[in-house]
Amino acid sequence: MTDDAATARRIIELLWRREQPARRGPRPRVSVDDVVRAGVQLADADGLSKLSIRSVATRLGLRPMSVYTYVPSKDVLVALMVDSVAAEDGDIGELSLPDRLAAIADQYRDELVRHPWLLTISMWRPVLGPHLSARYERHLAVLEGSGPTGGGRFDDVELDTIVAALRSFATGSARAEIDARSASTMTGLTDEAWWEIYGPLLAEVMTTQQFPVSSRVGATVGELYQAPGDTDAAYRYGLARLIDGIVSAPRSTFSA
């Protein structure tokens, strides 16, 4: 077995908690779940770049080498962390189709805002653990049997693409929300304080003659929000338009 194949097997075994042969000796002080939980807490607080096996060990009161008996590397730990936070999402429930679509997007967006370090991880080829798999199943299941108002049902490719489109949109919005929050942290200025300083200065240089539309719109938005914008309002508006397109499609985009 190649090193890559052996690593893949170990990741899958840990993700799905496949039973390992019992070890002799003292009972372990912590579990794999404890290690993963500590990793999530550290990444939430300081970001993924500062996460290390040593920092996890310190948080758990263990020696670094002891942590390697639970997870073989930081990369494996991160894979376990990504799957674990997906467990935070619950059932969507009995809703109208537009509300089900909105709930799917909200779950993805809320997860990223709670755990910004997820944005630094490529999800193009995720290692599917039980929680990621269960969430994908739930999202597909609440859409299966539904279809656009023009008639028919969403086919399998369309089901997957709808979920992917909702996730992509939610990811962009989450990134904007996280950027907005970090701006206040980095500058020490609230959006309102920032606008009080920069609004008048921008009005001096962005003359209505040179920027007739943007100066008017920018001033209107700034006065309304006392900030450069409102990420939540943009998200709700864009999501509503995206859902309108999905619901009102006359037929499956992927039908022959």
Protein backbone atom coordinates (compact mmCIF):
# COMPACT_ATOMS: atom_id res chain seq x y z
CA MET A 1 0.00 0.00 0.00
CA THR A 2 1.38 3.43 -0.94
CA ASP A 3 1.85 6.17 1.64
CA ASP A 4 -1.06 8.14 0.13
CA ALA A 5 -3.35 5.11 0.27
CA ALA A 6 -2.31 4.36 3.85
CA THR A 7 -2.98 7.97 4.87
CA ALA A 8 -6.36 7.91 3.15
CA ARG A 9 -7.33 4.71 4.93
CA ARG A 10 -6.30 6.15 8.29
CA ILE A 11 -8.33 9.33 7.68
CA ILE A 12 -11.41 7.32 6.74
CA GLU A 13 -11.01 5.07 9.77
CA LEU A 14 -10.80 8.08 12.08
CA LEU A 15 -13.63 10.01 10.41
CA TRP A 16 -16.00 7.10 10.59
CA ARG A 17 -14.64 5.93 13.95
CA ARG A 18 -13.91 2.43 12.74
CA GLU A 19 -13.09 0.22 15.68
CA GLN A 20 -9.39 -0.07 16.41
CA PRO A 21 -7.84 -3.02 18.24
CA ALA A 22 -7.89 -2.44 21.99
CA ARG A 23 -4.53 -1.40 23.40
CA ARG A 24 -3.03 -2.72 26.57
CA GLY A 25 -2.09 -0.36 29.32
CA PRO A 26 -3.75 2.56 31.11
CA ARG A 27 -7.06 3.84 29.80
CA PRO A 28 -6.55 6.92 27.54
CA ARG A 29 -7.12 10.25 29.29
CA VAL A 30 -8.92 11.76 26.30
CA SER A 31 -10.68 10.59 23.15
CA VAL A 32 -10.38 11.46 19.46
CA ASP A 33 -13.49 13.60 19.92
CA ASP A 34 -11.75 15.55 22.68
CA VAL A 35 -8.77 16.20 20.41
CA VAL A 36 -11.01 17.35 17.55
CA ARG A 37 -13.05 19.58 19.86
CA ALA A 38 -9.88 21.22 21.16
CA GLY A 39 -8.70 21.79 17.59
CA VAL A 40 -11.97 23.50 16.64
CA GLN A 41 -11.85 25.74 19.72
CA LEU A 42 -8.28 26.80 19.00
CA ALA A 43 -8.96 27.44 15.31
CA ASP A 44 -12.07 29.47 16.16
CA ALA A 45 -10.03 31.64 18.51
CA ASP A 46 -6.76 32.08 16.62
CA GLY A 47 -7.19 30.79 13.07
CA LEU A 48 -5.98 27.64 11.39
CA SER A 49 -2.46 28.95 10.78
CA LYS A 50 -1.75 28.98 14.52
CA LEU A 51 -3.22 25.56 15.14
CA SER A 52 -0.64 22.87 15.86
CA ILE A 53 -0.41 19.50 17.50
CA ARG A 54 1.54 21.19 20.28
CA SER A 55 -1.20 23.78 20.92
CA VAL A 56 -3.82 21.03 21.04
CA ALA A 57 -1.65 19.08 23.48
CA THR A 58 -1.26 22.14 25.71
CA ARG A 59 -5.01 22.73 25.74
CA LEU A 60 -5.65 19.12 26.75
CA GLY A 61 -2.81 18.93 29.24
CA LEU A 62 -0.95 16.29 27.23
CA ARG A 63 2.52 15.89 25.80
CA PRO A 64 2.63 16.60 22.03
CA MET A 65 3.70 13.05 21.23
CA SER A 66 0.63 11.77 23.06
CA VAL A 67 -1.66 13.59 20.64
CA TYR A 68 -0.14 11.67 17.73
CA THR A 69 -1.59 8.49 19.18
CA TYR A 70 -5.04 9.95 18.42
CA VAL A 71 -4.39 11.77 15.13
CA PRO A 72 -1.28 11.19 13.00
CA SER A 73 -0.91 14.76 11.70
CA LYS A 74 -2.37 18.26 11.62
CA ASP A 75 -3.84 17.60 8.15
CA VAL A 76 -5.77 14.61 9.47
CA LEU A 77 -6.90 16.64 12.48
CA VAL A 78 -8.23 19.38 10.19
CA ALA A 79 -10.17 16.82 8.13
CA LEU A 80 -11.78 15.61 11.35
CA MET A 81 -12.54 19.18 12.41
CA VAL A 82 -14.23 20.02 9.09
CA ASP A 83 -16.51 17.02 9.46
CA SER A 84 -17.25 17.65 13.13
CA VAL A 85 -18.58 21.20 12.67
CA ALA A 86 -21.01 19.95 10.02
CA ALA A 87 -22.80 18.14 12.86
CA GLU A 88 -23.97 21.51 14.19
CA ASP A 89 -26.62 21.73 11.45
CA GLY A 90 -30.00 20.25 12.22
CA ASP A 91 -32.97 19.17 10.12
CA ILE A 92 -34.55 21.81 7.94
CA GLY A 93 -38.09 20.61 8.57
CA GLU A 94 -41.34 21.06 6.70
CA LEU A 95 -41.03 24.30 4.75
CA SER A 96 -42.02 25.68 1.38
CA LEU A 97 -39.52 25.12 -1.43
CA PRO A 98 -38.18 28.71 -1.31
CA ASP A 99 -37.76 28.46 2.46
CA ARG A 100 -35.99 25.11 2.15
CA LEU A 101 -33.57 26.59 -0.36
CA ALA A 102 -32.96 29.57 1.94
CA ALA A 103 -32.40 27.26 4.92
CA ILE A 104 -29.73 25.30 3.03
CA ALA A 105 -27.86 28.51 2.18
CA ASP A 106 -28.27 29.82 5.74
CA GLN A 107 -26.74 26.67 7.21
CA TYR A 108 -23.63 27.00 5.04
CA ARG A 109 -23.28 30.73 5.70
CA ASP A 110 -23.81 30.44 9.45
CA GLU A 111 -21.25 27.63 9.68
CA LEU A 112 -18.58 29.72 7.97
CA VAL A 113 -19.30 32.80 10.09
CA ARG A 114 -19.02 30.66 13.25
CA HIS A 115 -15.82 29.00 12.01
CA PRO A 116 -13.98 31.44 9.68
CA TRP A 117 -10.99 29.09 9.37
CA LEU A 118 -13.11 26.92 7.08
CA LEU A 119 -12.63 29.55 4.37
CA THR A 120 -8.92 28.71 4.23
CA ILE A 121 -9.61 25.05 3.38
CA SER A 122 -10.25 23.76 -0.13
CA MET A 123 -13.56 21.92 -0.22
CA TRP A 124 -13.21 20.80 -3.81
CA ARG A 125 -12.23 17.27 -2.77
CA PRO A 126 -13.45 16.97 0.81
CA VAL A 127 -12.88 13.73 2.65
CA LEU A 128 -16.49 12.87 3.41
CA GLY A 129 -17.04 11.88 6.99
CA PRO A 130 -20.33 10.93 8.61
CA HIS A 131 -21.46 14.48 9.39
CA LEU A 132 -20.65 16.02 6.00
CA SER A 133 -22.29 13.04 4.33
CA ALA A 134 -25.39 13.30 6.52
CA ARG A 135 -25.79 17.00 5.79
CA TYR A 136 -25.46 16.48 2.04
CA GLU A 137 -28.06 13.71 2.27
CA ARG A 138 -30.44 15.99 4.20
CA HIS A 139 -30.06 18.83 1.72
CA LEU A 140 -30.72 16.58 -1.27
CA ALA A 141 -33.60 14.84 0.48
CA VAL A 142 -35.52 18.04 1.24
CA LEU A 143 -35.34 19.00 -2.45
CA GLU A 144 -36.04 15.59 -3.93
CA GLY A 145 -39.54 15.40 -5.36
CA SER A 146 -39.68 19.19 -5.74
CA GLY A 147 -39.30 21.09 -8.94
CA PRO A 148 -39.71 24.48 -10.61
CA THR A 149 -43.13 26.03 -10.97
CA GLY A 150 -42.94 25.30 -14.70
CA GLY A 151 -43.43 21.61 -13.96
CA GLY A 152 -41.33 18.48 -13.52
CA ARG A 153 -38.88 17.55 -10.82
CA PHE A 154 -35.26 18.39 -10.26
CA ASP A 155 -33.11 15.65 -11.74
CA ASP A 156 -30.09 14.22 -9.93
CA VAL A 157 -27.53 16.53 -11.55
CA GLU A 158 -29.71 19.54 -10.88
CA LEU A 159 -30.19 18.56 -7.23
CA ASP A 160 -26.42 18.51 -6.76
CA THR A 161 -25.93 21.74 -8.71
CA ILE A 162 -28.60 23.61 -6.74
CA VAL A 163 -26.95 22.68 -3.45
CA ALA A 164 -23.55 23.66 -4.87
CA ALA A 165 -24.89 27.01 -6.13
CA LEU A 166 -26.46 27.81 -2.77
CA ARG A 167 -23.24 26.92 -1.01
CA SER A 168 -21.14 29.04 -3.37
CA PHE A 169 -23.38 32.05 -2.85
CA ALA A 170 -23.41 31.56 0.92
CA THR A 171 -19.61 31.24 0.98
CA GLY A 172 -19.14 34.58 -0.78
CA SER A 173 -21.53 36.27 1.60
CA ALA A 174 -19.86 34.72 4.64
CA ARG A 175 -16.49 35.98 3.45
CA ALA A 176 -17.91 39.51 3.14
CA GLU A 177 -19.41 39.29 6.64
CA ILE A 178 -16.14 38.07 8.13
CA ASP A 179 -14.23 40.84 6.32
CA ALA A 180 -16.63 43.42 7.74
CA ARG A 181 -16.14 42.11 11.27
CA SER A 182 -12.37 41.94 10.97
CA ALA A 183 -12.20 45.53 9.67
CA SER A 184 -13.55 46.84 12.96
CA THR A 185 -11.14 44.65 14.89
CA MET A 186 -8.08 45.72 12.89
CA THR A 187 -8.80 49.46 12.80
CA GLY A 188 -10.48 49.81 16.18
CA LEU A 189 -13.24 51.80 14.49
CA THR A 190 -16.87 50.84 14.26
CA ASP A 191 -18.48 51.20 10.83
CA GLU A 192 -20.36 54.26 12.08
CA ALA A 193 -17.16 55.91 13.35
CA TRP A 194 -15.39 55.07 10.10
CA TRP A 195 -18.17 56.64 8.05
CA GLU A 196 -18.13 59.80 10.16
CA ILE A 197 -14.44 60.24 9.33
CA TYR A 198 -14.28 59.10 5.74
CA GLY A 199 -17.73 60.08 4.49
CA PRO A 200 -17.08 63.83 4.32
CA LEU A 201 -13.57 63.31 2.95
CA LEU A 202 -14.82 61.06 0.17
CA ALA A 203 -17.53 63.59 -0.65
CA GLU A 204 -14.80 66.18 -1.25
CA VAL A 205 -12.85 64.07 -3.77
CA MET A 206 -15.69 62.10 -5.38
CA THR A 207 -17.43 65.00 -7.03
CA THR A 208 -20.85 64.55 -8.56
CA GLN A 209 -19.47 65.80 -11.88
CA GLN A 210 -16.83 63.07 -12.06
CA PHE A 211 -18.81 60.27 -10.40
CA PRO A 212 -22.47 61.21 -10.81
CA VAL A 213 -23.97 57.78 -10.10
CA SER A 214 -21.53 56.29 -7.60
CA SER A 215 -21.30 59.44 -5.49
CA ARG A 216 -25.08 59.57 -5.22
CA VAL A 217 -25.49 55.86 -4.51
CA GLY A 218 -22.53 55.78 -2.12
CA ALA A 219 -23.88 58.70 -0.13
CA THR A 220 -27.35 57.15 0.05
CA VAL A 221 -26.00 53.79 1.20
CA GLY A 222 -23.62 55.37 3.69
CA GLU A 223 -26.35 57.47 5.26
CA LEU A 224 -28.73 54.51 5.41
CA TYR A 225 -26.33 52.03 7.00
CA GLN A 226 -23.76 54.39 8.53
CA ALA A 227 -21.28 51.99 6.97
CA PRO A 228 -19.89 51.07 3.53
CA GLY A 229 -22.81 48.65 3.15
CA ASP A 230 -24.83 45.92 4.84
CA THR A 231 -23.62 42.37 4.21
CA ASP A 232 -26.80 40.80 5.56
CA ALA A 233 -29.05 42.93 3.35
CA ALA A 234 -26.94 42.06 0.30
CA TYR A 235 -27.10 38.38 1.20
CA ARG A 236 -30.88 38.36 1.64
CA TYR A 237 -31.45 40.26 -1.60
CA GLY A 238 -29.12 38.10 -3.65
CA LEU A 239 -30.39 34.86 -2.12
CA ALA A 240 -33.99 35.82 -2.87
CA ARG A 241 -33.14 36.47 -6.52
CA LEU A 242 -31.20 33.18 -6.76
CA ILE A 243 -34.12 31.27 -5.27
CA ASP A 244 -36.56 33.02 -7.61
CA GLY A 245 -34.53 31.73 -10.54
CA ILE A 246 -34.42 28.17 -9.20
CA VAL A 247 -38.11 28.03 -8.36
CA SER A 248 -39.39 29.68 -11.53
CA ALA A 249 -37.20 27.79 -14.01
CA PRO A 250 -39.50 26.46 -16.75
CA ARG A 251 -37.75 23.10 -16.90
CA SER A 252 -34.60 21.35 -15.72
CA THR A 253 -31.51 23.11 -17.00
CA PHE A 254 -29.86 19.73 -17.38
CA SER A 255 -32.68 17.95 -19.21
CA ALA A 256 -31.87 16.67 -22.66
